[in-house]
Amino acid sequence: MLDFPILESGDTNQLYLNASYLIEFTNSVSSKLVFQMVNAEKDELVEVVVCYPSGTTVNNIKIGLSNANGNGGIPSKTAATDLASATSRTDPGYKSGSKYFYDATNSLLFLKIRQSNERKYEFFCPTQGCDFIWAEMTIPANANARSCSTTGAYTGAKSLQIVSDSWLSKTF
């Protein structure tokens, strides 16, 4: 399991490995998000699907390692490399976690985060660092958060609603 602050400020829920999660915002939607594997073993994977307002476009998606040797901190996109775009969710690159997929019709960003290195039990990250994905999007001005699960845009994942963004870091 992975720790992931979600739902309401102060709550902590667990994300289960090899599962899919749809993230929906009920208030403001952040144009920059970082997803990081913590306490994961080598090759463990989580699929995260982010519901964006209609008309959102991809600026860049990057992957990298953070918290090397337990140094902590939010990953920097300058310490990451570009992640290629897949043509569909059935693309072998997407399935393996080496590509992302953006469904522009439904404004859904599909990411697979895989821990690439082994870690020692007593550390939350491998010596090389925890794998992370940095997503930077362009959200149309005055765009509002929307629900993708209730509209049927995507129903293949457990829905996680962000009802308070007080825990989100908006400065990167």
N, C-alpha and C. Protein backbone atom coordinates (compact mmCIF):
# COMPACT_ATOMS: atom_id res chain seq x y z
N MET A 1 0.83 -1.19 0.00
CA MET A 1 0.00 0.00 0.00
C MET A 1 0.87 1.24 0.00
N LEU A 2 0.32 2.34 -0.50
CA LEU A 2 1.02 3.61 -0.55
C LEU A 2 0.22 4.64 0.22
N ASP A 3 0.92 5.50 0.94
CA ASP A 3 0.24 6.60 1.61
C ASP A 3 -0.06 7.68 0.59
N PHE A 4 -1.24 8.25 0.67
CA PHE A 4 -1.64 9.29 -0.26
C PHE A 4 -2.63 10.21 0.43
N PRO A 5 -2.27 11.48 0.69
CA PRO A 5 -3.21 12.37 1.35
C PRO A 5 -4.34 12.74 0.39
N ILE A 6 -5.55 12.48 0.77
CA ILE A 6 -6.66 12.64 -0.16
C ILE A 6 -7.95 12.93 0.60
N LEU A 7 -8.97 13.28 -0.07
CA LEU A 7 -10.31 13.51 0.43
C LEU A 7 -10.42 14.79 1.24
N GLU A 8 -10.02 14.79 2.50
CA GLU A 8 -10.13 15.99 3.30
C GLU A 8 -8.81 16.27 3.99
N SER A 9 -8.55 17.51 4.26
CA SER A 9 -7.32 17.88 4.94
C SER A 9 -7.19 17.10 6.24
N GLY A 10 -6.03 16.49 6.44
CA GLY A 10 -5.80 15.73 7.67
C GLY A 10 -6.07 14.25 7.52
N ASP A 11 -6.87 13.82 6.56
CA ASP A 11 -7.14 12.40 6.34
C ASP A 11 -6.00 11.79 5.53
N THR A 12 -5.72 10.53 5.78
CA THR A 12 -4.76 9.80 4.96
C THR A 12 -5.40 8.48 4.57
N ASN A 13 -5.45 8.21 3.29
CA ASN A 13 -5.99 6.95 2.79
C ASN A 13 -4.86 6.16 2.17
N GLN A 14 -5.11 4.92 1.91
CA GLN A 14 -4.12 4.04 1.30
C GLN A 14 -4.52 3.77 -0.14
N LEU A 15 -3.56 3.82 -1.03
CA LEU A 15 -3.77 3.38 -2.40
C LEU A 15 -3.23 1.97 -2.50
N TYR A 16 -3.99 1.09 -3.10
CA TYR A 16 -3.55 -0.29 -3.26
C TYR A 16 -2.82 -0.45 -4.58
N LEU A 17 -1.78 -1.24 -4.56
CA LEU A 17 -0.96 -1.46 -5.74
C LEU A 17 -1.73 -2.21 -6.80
N ASN A 18 -1.33 -1.99 -8.05
CA ASN A 18 -1.94 -2.62 -9.22
C ASN A 18 -3.43 -2.30 -9.33
N ALA A 19 -3.82 -1.15 -8.82
CA ALA A 19 -5.21 -0.70 -8.90
C ALA A 19 -5.26 0.62 -9.67
N SER A 20 -6.47 1.01 -10.09
CA SER A 20 -6.66 2.27 -10.81
C SER A 20 -7.48 3.22 -9.95
N TYR A 21 -7.10 4.49 -9.98
CA TYR A 21 -7.79 5.52 -9.21
C TYR A 21 -8.09 6.71 -10.09
N LEU A 22 -9.34 7.17 -10.05
CA LEU A 22 -9.76 8.37 -10.77
C LEU A 22 -9.76 9.51 -9.77
N ILE A 23 -8.97 10.54 -10.05
CA ILE A 23 -8.90 11.70 -9.18
C ILE A 23 -9.75 12.81 -9.77
N GLU A 24 -10.72 13.25 -8.97
CA GLU A 24 -11.62 14.33 -9.36
C GLU A 24 -11.50 15.46 -8.34
N PHE A 25 -11.50 16.67 -8.81
CA PHE A 25 -11.44 17.84 -7.93
C PHE A 25 -12.84 18.42 -7.82
N THR A 26 -13.25 18.82 -6.62
CA THR A 26 -14.56 19.44 -6.45
C THR A 26 -14.45 20.96 -6.41
N ASN A 27 -13.25 21.48 -6.17
CA ASN A 27 -13.04 22.92 -6.13
C ASN A 27 -12.13 23.32 -7.28
N SER A 28 -10.98 23.89 -6.95
CA SER A 28 -10.03 24.29 -7.98
C SER A 28 -9.22 23.09 -8.45
N VAL A 29 -8.78 23.14 -9.68
CA VAL A 29 -7.96 22.08 -10.27
C VAL A 29 -6.56 22.63 -10.47
N SER A 30 -5.58 21.90 -9.98
CA SER A 30 -4.20 22.34 -10.11
C SER A 30 -3.67 22.00 -11.49
N SER A 31 -2.94 22.93 -12.11
CA SER A 31 -2.36 22.66 -13.42
C SER A 31 -1.06 21.87 -13.31
N LYS A 32 -0.51 21.77 -12.09
CA LYS A 32 0.73 21.02 -11.87
C LYS A 32 0.49 20.00 -10.76
N LEU A 33 0.80 18.75 -11.05
CA LEU A 33 0.66 17.69 -10.07
C LEU A 33 1.89 16.81 -10.09
N VAL A 34 2.27 16.31 -8.92
CA VAL A 34 3.38 15.36 -8.81
C VAL A 34 2.85 14.14 -8.08
N PHE A 35 3.06 12.98 -8.67
CA PHE A 35 2.70 11.71 -8.05
C PHE A 35 3.98 10.94 -7.80
N GLN A 36 4.15 10.49 -6.56
CA GLN A 36 5.40 9.83 -6.18
C GLN A 36 5.11 8.50 -5.49
N MET A 37 5.86 7.48 -5.85
CA MET A 37 5.78 6.19 -5.18
C MET A 37 6.53 6.30 -3.85
N VAL A 38 5.89 5.88 -2.77
CA VAL A 38 6.51 5.86 -1.45
C VAL A 38 6.17 4.51 -0.81
N ASN A 39 7.15 3.90 -0.19
CA ASN A 39 6.99 2.60 0.44
C ASN A 39 6.60 1.51 -0.55
N ALA A 40 7.01 1.66 -1.78
CA ALA A 40 6.70 0.67 -2.81
C ALA A 40 7.92 -0.21 -3.07
N GLU A 41 7.65 -1.43 -3.46
CA GLU A 41 8.71 -2.36 -3.82
C GLU A 41 8.96 -2.29 -5.32
N LYS A 42 10.08 -2.82 -5.76
CA LYS A 42 10.45 -2.81 -7.17
C LYS A 42 9.32 -3.41 -8.02
N ASP A 43 8.99 -2.72 -9.11
CA ASP A 43 7.99 -3.11 -10.10
C ASP A 43 6.54 -2.99 -9.63
N GLU A 44 6.30 -2.49 -8.40
CA GLU A 44 4.92 -2.25 -7.99
C GLU A 44 4.41 -1.03 -8.74
N LEU A 45 3.12 -1.03 -9.06
CA LEU A 45 2.56 -0.05 -9.97
C LEU A 45 1.18 0.41 -9.50
N VAL A 46 0.87 1.68 -9.76
CA VAL A 46 -0.45 2.24 -9.51
C VAL A 46 -0.83 3.04 -10.75
N GLU A 47 -2.09 2.92 -11.18
CA GLU A 47 -2.60 3.74 -12.27
C GLU A 47 -3.41 4.89 -11.67
N VAL A 48 -3.08 6.10 -12.10
CA VAL A 48 -3.79 7.30 -11.65
C VAL A 48 -4.40 7.96 -12.88
N VAL A 49 -5.69 8.24 -12.81
CA VAL A 49 -6.40 8.91 -13.90
C VAL A 49 -6.90 10.24 -13.33
N VAL A 50 -6.49 11.34 -13.95
CA VAL A 50 -6.87 12.67 -13.44
C VAL A 50 -7.92 13.27 -14.36
N CYS A 51 -9.03 13.69 -13.75
CA CYS A 51 -10.14 14.31 -14.47
C CYS A 51 -9.91 15.82 -14.52
N TYR A 52 -9.73 16.34 -15.73
CA TYR A 52 -9.51 17.77 -15.93
C TYR A 52 -10.74 18.42 -16.56
N PRO A 53 -10.86 19.75 -16.45
CA PRO A 53 -11.94 20.45 -17.14
C PRO A 53 -11.80 20.28 -18.66
N SER A 54 -12.90 20.34 -19.35
CA SER A 54 -12.90 20.23 -20.82
C SER A 54 -11.99 21.29 -21.41
N GLY A 55 -11.27 20.92 -22.46
CA GLY A 55 -10.38 21.83 -23.14
C GLY A 55 -8.97 21.90 -22.58
N THR A 56 -8.68 21.12 -21.55
CA THR A 56 -7.34 21.09 -20.97
C THR A 56 -6.37 20.42 -21.95
N THR A 57 -5.15 20.93 -22.00
CA THR A 57 -4.13 20.34 -22.87
C THR A 57 -2.88 20.01 -22.05
N VAL A 58 -2.07 19.11 -22.57
CA VAL A 58 -0.85 18.68 -21.91
C VAL A 58 0.28 19.65 -22.25
N ASN A 59 0.97 20.16 -21.23
CA ASN A 59 2.20 20.94 -21.44
C ASN A 59 3.37 19.99 -21.49
N ASN A 60 3.59 19.28 -20.38
CA ASN A 60 4.62 18.26 -20.37
C ASN A 60 4.39 17.29 -19.23
N ILE A 61 4.83 16.07 -19.46
CA ILE A 61 4.77 15.01 -18.48
C ILE A 61 6.20 14.49 -18.35
N LYS A 62 6.68 14.42 -17.13
CA LYS A 62 8.07 14.00 -16.90
C LYS A 62 8.12 12.92 -15.83
N ILE A 63 9.18 12.10 -15.90
CA ILE A 63 9.41 11.08 -14.89
C ILE A 63 10.80 11.28 -14.30
N GLY A 64 10.99 10.79 -13.08
CA GLY A 64 12.29 10.89 -12.46
C GLY A 64 12.32 10.20 -11.12
N LEU A 65 13.39 10.42 -10.39
CA LEU A 65 13.58 9.86 -9.06
C LEU A 65 13.75 11.00 -8.07
N SER A 66 13.14 10.87 -6.90
CA SER A 66 13.28 11.89 -5.86
C SER A 66 13.57 11.21 -4.53
N ASN A 67 13.92 12.00 -3.56
CA ASN A 67 14.21 11.51 -2.22
C ASN A 67 15.34 10.50 -2.19
N ALA A 68 16.32 10.67 -3.06
CA ALA A 68 17.48 9.78 -3.05
C ALA A 68 18.17 9.85 -1.68
N ASN A 69 18.50 8.71 -1.16
CA ASN A 69 19.13 8.60 0.16
C ASN A 69 18.30 9.25 1.27
N GLY A 70 16.98 9.32 1.07
CA GLY A 70 16.09 9.85 2.10
C GLY A 70 16.16 11.35 2.29
N ASN A 71 16.57 12.10 1.26
CA ASN A 71 16.72 13.55 1.39
C ASN A 71 15.41 14.31 1.45
N GLY A 72 14.31 13.70 1.01
CA GLY A 72 13.00 14.33 1.09
C GLY A 72 12.80 15.45 0.09
N GLY A 73 11.66 16.10 0.16
CA GLY A 73 11.36 17.22 -0.71
C GLY A 73 10.49 16.87 -1.90
N ILE A 74 9.88 17.88 -2.47
CA ILE A 74 9.04 17.71 -3.66
C ILE A 74 9.96 17.59 -4.87
N PRO A 75 9.70 16.61 -5.72
CA PRO A 75 10.55 16.44 -6.91
C PRO A 75 10.53 17.68 -7.81
N SER A 76 11.64 17.97 -8.41
CA SER A 76 11.76 19.09 -9.34
C SER A 76 11.62 18.57 -10.76
N LYS A 77 10.88 19.29 -11.58
CA LYS A 77 10.74 18.84 -12.96
C LYS A 77 12.05 18.97 -13.73
N THR A 78 12.98 19.78 -13.24
CA THR A 78 14.27 19.89 -13.91
C THR A 78 15.12 18.64 -13.69
N ALA A 79 14.77 17.85 -12.67
CA ALA A 79 15.49 16.61 -12.38
C ALA A 79 14.81 15.42 -13.05
N ALA A 80 13.98 15.68 -14.02
CA ALA A 80 13.19 14.62 -14.65
C ALA A 80 13.40 14.61 -16.16
N THR A 81 12.98 13.53 -16.78
CA THR A 81 13.05 13.42 -18.24
C THR A 81 11.64 13.32 -18.81
N ASP A 82 11.49 13.74 -20.05
CA ASP A 82 10.18 13.73 -20.70
C ASP A 82 9.65 12.31 -20.82
N LEU A 83 8.35 12.17 -20.59
CA LEU A 83 7.66 10.91 -20.77
C LEU A 83 6.90 11.00 -22.09
N ALA A 84 7.04 10.01 -22.94
CA ALA A 84 6.39 10.02 -24.25
C ALA A 84 4.89 9.76 -24.11
N SER A 85 4.16 10.20 -25.11
CA SER A 85 2.72 10.02 -25.16
C SER A 85 2.37 8.72 -25.87
N ALA A 86 1.42 7.98 -25.32
CA ALA A 86 0.91 6.76 -25.95
C ALA A 86 -0.27 7.12 -26.84
N THR A 87 -0.55 6.30 -27.82
CA THR A 87 -1.68 6.54 -28.72
C THR A 87 -2.99 6.04 -28.13
N SER A 88 -2.92 5.15 -27.14
CA SER A 88 -4.12 4.61 -26.49
C SER A 88 -3.71 3.93 -25.19
N ARG A 89 -4.71 3.51 -24.40
CA ARG A 89 -4.41 2.78 -23.17
C ARG A 89 -3.95 1.36 -23.45
N THR A 90 -4.14 0.89 -24.68
CA THR A 90 -3.67 -0.46 -25.03
C THR A 90 -2.26 -0.45 -25.58
N ASP A 91 -1.69 0.73 -25.78
CA ASP A 91 -0.30 0.87 -26.24
C ASP A 91 0.62 0.14 -25.26
N PRO A 92 1.51 -0.73 -25.75
CA PRO A 92 2.42 -1.45 -24.85
C PRO A 92 3.25 -0.52 -23.94
N GLY A 93 3.62 0.64 -24.44
CA GLY A 93 4.37 1.60 -23.63
C GLY A 93 3.55 2.11 -22.46
N TYR A 94 2.25 2.34 -22.67
CA TYR A 94 1.39 2.77 -21.57
C TYR A 94 1.21 1.64 -20.57
N LYS A 95 0.97 0.45 -21.08
CA LYS A 95 0.76 -0.70 -20.18
C LYS A 95 1.95 -0.95 -19.27
N SER A 96 3.17 -0.70 -19.77
CA SER A 96 4.38 -0.93 -18.99
C SER A 96 4.72 0.24 -18.06
N GLY A 97 4.07 1.38 -18.27
CA GLY A 97 4.37 2.56 -17.46
C GLY A 97 5.45 3.45 -18.05
N SER A 98 5.86 3.17 -19.28
CA SER A 98 6.92 3.99 -19.89
C SER A 98 6.35 5.12 -20.76
N LYS A 99 5.02 5.23 -20.84
CA LYS A 99 4.35 6.31 -21.56
C LYS A 99 3.10 6.72 -20.78
N TYR A 100 2.59 7.91 -21.07
CA TYR A 100 1.31 8.34 -20.52
C TYR A 100 0.30 8.38 -21.65
N PHE A 101 -0.98 8.45 -21.31
CA PHE A 101 -2.02 8.60 -22.33
C PHE A 101 -2.94 9.74 -21.92
N TYR A 102 -3.22 10.65 -22.85
CA TYR A 102 -4.18 11.72 -22.59
C TYR A 102 -5.36 11.58 -23.54
N ASP A 103 -6.53 11.37 -22.96
CA ASP A 103 -7.78 11.28 -23.70
C ASP A 103 -8.35 12.70 -23.80
N ALA A 104 -8.04 13.39 -24.90
CA ALA A 104 -8.46 14.79 -25.06
C ALA A 104 -9.97 14.93 -25.17
N THR A 105 -10.65 13.93 -25.70
CA THR A 105 -12.11 13.98 -25.83
C THR A 105 -12.77 14.09 -24.47
N ASN A 106 -12.28 13.33 -23.51
CA ASN A 106 -12.85 13.32 -22.16
C ASN A 106 -12.02 14.08 -21.13
N SER A 107 -10.91 14.69 -21.57
CA SER A 107 -10.00 15.43 -20.68
C SER A 107 -9.55 14.58 -19.50
N LEU A 108 -9.06 13.37 -19.80
CA LEU A 108 -8.58 12.44 -18.79
C LEU A 108 -7.10 12.15 -19.03
N LEU A 109 -6.29 12.34 -18.01
CA LEU A 109 -4.86 12.04 -18.07
C LEU A 109 -4.63 10.70 -17.38
N PHE A 110 -4.09 9.73 -18.11
CA PHE A 110 -3.82 8.39 -17.59
C PHE A 110 -2.32 8.25 -17.35
N LEU A 111 -1.96 7.91 -16.10
CA LEU A 111 -0.57 7.75 -15.72
C LEU A 111 -0.39 6.42 -15.01
N LYS A 112 0.70 5.74 -15.29
CA LYS A 112 1.07 4.55 -14.53
C LYS A 112 2.39 4.85 -13.86
N ILE A 113 2.43 4.69 -12.54
CA ILE A 113 3.63 4.99 -11.78
C ILE A 113 4.19 3.66 -11.28
N ARG A 114 5.42 3.38 -11.67
CA ARG A 114 6.06 2.10 -11.32
C ARG A 114 7.36 2.39 -10.57
N GLN A 115 7.55 1.70 -9.44
CA GLN A 115 8.81 1.81 -8.71
C GLN A 115 9.85 0.97 -9.43
N SER A 116 10.94 1.60 -9.84
CA SER A 116 11.92 0.92 -10.69
C SER A 116 13.08 0.28 -9.94
N ASN A 117 13.27 0.62 -8.68
CA ASN A 117 14.42 0.10 -7.92
C ASN A 117 13.97 -0.57 -6.63
N GLU A 118 14.83 -1.44 -6.12
CA GLU A 118 14.55 -2.10 -4.84
C GLU A 118 14.89 -1.16 -3.71
N ARG A 119 14.13 -1.28 -2.62
CA ARG A 119 14.41 -0.46 -1.43
C ARG A 119 14.67 -1.37 -0.24
N LYS A 120 15.39 -0.85 0.73
CA LYS A 120 15.57 -1.56 1.98
C LYS A 120 14.33 -1.34 2.82
N TYR A 121 13.94 -2.34 3.56
CA TYR A 121 12.70 -2.31 4.32
C TYR A 121 12.55 -1.07 5.20
N GLU A 122 13.63 -0.62 5.81
CA GLU A 122 13.54 0.49 6.76
C GLU A 122 13.45 1.87 6.10
N PHE A 123 13.58 1.95 4.78
CA PHE A 123 13.52 3.23 4.07
C PHE A 123 12.27 3.32 3.20
N PHE A 124 11.70 4.52 3.09
CA PHE A 124 10.51 4.68 2.27
C PHE A 124 10.83 4.80 0.79
N CYS A 125 12.09 5.08 0.44
CA CYS A 125 12.53 5.15 -0.95
C CYS A 125 13.79 4.30 -1.14
N PRO A 126 13.99 3.78 -2.34
CA PRO A 126 15.27 3.12 -2.63
C PRO A 126 16.41 4.15 -2.54
N THR A 127 17.64 3.67 -2.43
CA THR A 127 18.80 4.56 -2.37
C THR A 127 18.84 5.50 -3.56
N GLN A 128 18.44 5.00 -4.75
CA GLN A 128 18.45 5.82 -5.97
C GLN A 128 17.33 6.87 -5.96
N GLY A 129 16.28 6.64 -5.16
CA GLY A 129 15.15 7.56 -5.08
C GLY A 129 13.84 6.88 -5.42
N CYS A 130 12.74 7.52 -5.03
CA CYS A 130 11.39 7.05 -5.37
C CYS A 130 11.02 7.55 -6.76
N ASP A 131 10.36 6.72 -7.53
CA ASP A 131 9.90 7.14 -8.85
C ASP A 131 8.76 8.14 -8.70
N PHE A 132 8.76 9.14 -9.58
CA PHE A 132 7.67 10.11 -9.59
C PHE A 132 7.31 10.50 -11.02
N ILE A 133 6.12 11.04 -11.16
CA ILE A 133 5.66 11.62 -12.43
C ILE A 133 5.22 13.04 -12.15
N TRP A 134 5.70 13.96 -12.97
CA TRP A 134 5.35 15.38 -12.90
C TRP A 134 4.43 15.66 -14.09
N ALA A 135 3.25 16.18 -13.83
CA ALA A 135 2.30 16.51 -14.90
C ALA A 135 2.02 18.00 -14.86
N GLU A 136 2.18 18.65 -16.00
CA GLU A 136 1.89 20.08 -16.11
C GLU A 136 0.93 20.26 -17.27
N MET A 137 -0.23 20.82 -16.97
CA MET A 137 -1.30 20.97 -17.95
C MET A 137 -1.64 22.44 -18.14
N THR A 138 -2.30 22.75 -19.25
CA THR A 138 -2.86 24.08 -19.46
C THR A 138 -4.37 23.94 -19.33
N ILE A 139 -4.91 24.61 -18.32
CA ILE A 139 -6.34 24.55 -18.04
C ILE A 139 -6.97 25.85 -18.55
N PRO A 140 -8.05 25.76 -19.32
CA PRO A 140 -8.67 26.98 -19.84
C PRO A 140 -9.06 27.95 -18.72
N ALA A 141 -8.95 29.24 -19.00
CA ALA A 141 -9.32 30.27 -18.03
C ALA A 141 -10.78 30.07 -17.60
N ASN A 142 -11.03 30.29 -16.34
CA ASN A 142 -12.37 30.18 -15.75
C ASN A 142 -12.97 28.78 -15.86
N ALA A 143 -12.14 27.77 -16.07
CA ALA A 143 -12.64 26.39 -16.14
C ALA A 143 -12.98 25.90 -14.74
N ASN A 144 -14.03 25.13 -14.65
CA ASN A 144 -14.46 24.59 -13.37
C ASN A 144 -14.15 23.11 -13.29
N ALA A 145 -13.96 22.65 -12.05
CA ALA A 145 -13.78 21.21 -11.82
C ALA A 145 -15.05 20.50 -12.28
N ARG A 146 -14.89 19.24 -12.69
CA ARG A 146 -16.06 18.48 -13.12
C ARG A 146 -15.90 17.03 -12.68
N SER A 147 -17.01 16.32 -12.71
CA SER A 147 -16.99 14.91 -12.35
C SER A 147 -16.89 14.06 -13.60
N CYS A 148 -15.94 13.16 -13.62
CA CYS A 148 -15.82 12.24 -14.75
C CYS A 148 -16.49 10.91 -14.44
N SER A 149 -16.65 10.58 -13.16
CA SER A 149 -17.27 9.30 -12.80
C SER A 149 -18.79 9.36 -12.96
N THR A 150 -19.41 10.48 -12.59
CA THR A 150 -20.86 10.56 -12.69
C THR A 150 -21.33 10.79 -14.13
N THR A 151 -20.46 11.34 -14.96
CA THR A 151 -20.85 11.56 -16.36
C THR A 151 -20.57 10.34 -17.22
N GLY A 152 -19.87 9.36 -16.65
CA GLY A 152 -19.55 8.15 -17.41
C GLY A 152 -18.33 8.31 -18.29
N ALA A 153 -17.58 9.42 -18.14
CA ALA A 153 -16.38 9.62 -18.95
C ALA A 153 -15.35 8.53 -18.68
N TYR A 154 -15.30 8.08 -17.42
CA TYR A 154 -14.41 6.96 -17.09
C TYR A 154 -14.97 6.25 -15.86
N THR A 155 -15.18 4.97 -15.98
CA THR A 155 -15.76 4.20 -14.89
C THR A 155 -14.89 3.03 -14.47
N GLY A 156 -13.67 2.93 -14.98
CA GLY A 156 -12.84 1.77 -14.71
C GLY A 156 -11.95 1.89 -13.50
N ALA A 157 -12.24 2.82 -12.58
CA ALA A 157 -11.36 3.02 -11.43
C ALA A 157 -12.16 3.45 -10.22
N LYS A 158 -11.56 3.29 -9.06
CA LYS A 158 -12.15 3.82 -7.84
C LYS A 158 -12.02 5.34 -7.90
N SER A 159 -13.08 6.05 -7.57
CA SER A 159 -13.07 7.51 -7.64
C SER A 159 -12.59 8.10 -6.32
N LEU A 160 -11.62 9.00 -6.39
CA LEU A 160 -11.13 9.74 -5.24
C LEU A 160 -11.43 11.20 -5.49
N GLN A 161 -12.22 11.81 -4.63
CA GLN A 161 -12.56 13.21 -4.84
C GLN A 161 -11.73 14.09 -3.91
N ILE A 162 -11.12 15.11 -4.49
CA ILE A 162 -10.37 16.09 -3.71
C ILE A 162 -11.35 17.17 -3.29
N VAL A 163 -11.78 17.13 -2.03
CA VAL A 163 -12.76 18.11 -1.56
C VAL A 163 -12.11 19.28 -0.86
N SER A 164 -10.84 19.13 -0.51
CA SER A 164 -10.09 20.23 0.09
C SER A 164 -8.69 20.20 -0.50
N ASP A 165 -8.27 21.32 -1.03
CA ASP A 165 -6.94 21.35 -1.62
C ASP A 165 -5.92 22.00 -0.68
N SER A 166 -6.24 22.09 0.60
CA SER A 166 -5.34 22.75 1.55
C SER A 166 -4.01 22.00 1.69
N TRP A 167 -4.01 20.69 1.42
CA TRP A 167 -2.79 19.90 1.53
C TRP A 167 -1.95 19.94 0.26
N LEU A 168 -2.52 20.46 -0.83
CA LEU A 168 -1.78 20.52 -2.09
C LEU A 168 -0.73 21.62 -2.06
N SER A 169 0.46 21.30 -2.49
CA SER A 169 1.48 22.33 -2.66
C SER A 169 1.30 22.92 -4.06
N LYS A 170 1.09 24.20 -4.13
CA LYS A 170 0.86 24.83 -5.44
C LYS A 170 2.06 25.63 -5.92
N THR A 171 3.17 25.51 -5.22
CA THR A 171 4.39 26.18 -5.64
C THR A 171 5.46 25.14 -5.92
N PHE A 172 5.90 25.07 -7.16
CA PHE A 172 6.93 24.11 -7.55
C PHE A 172 8.08 24.85 -8.17
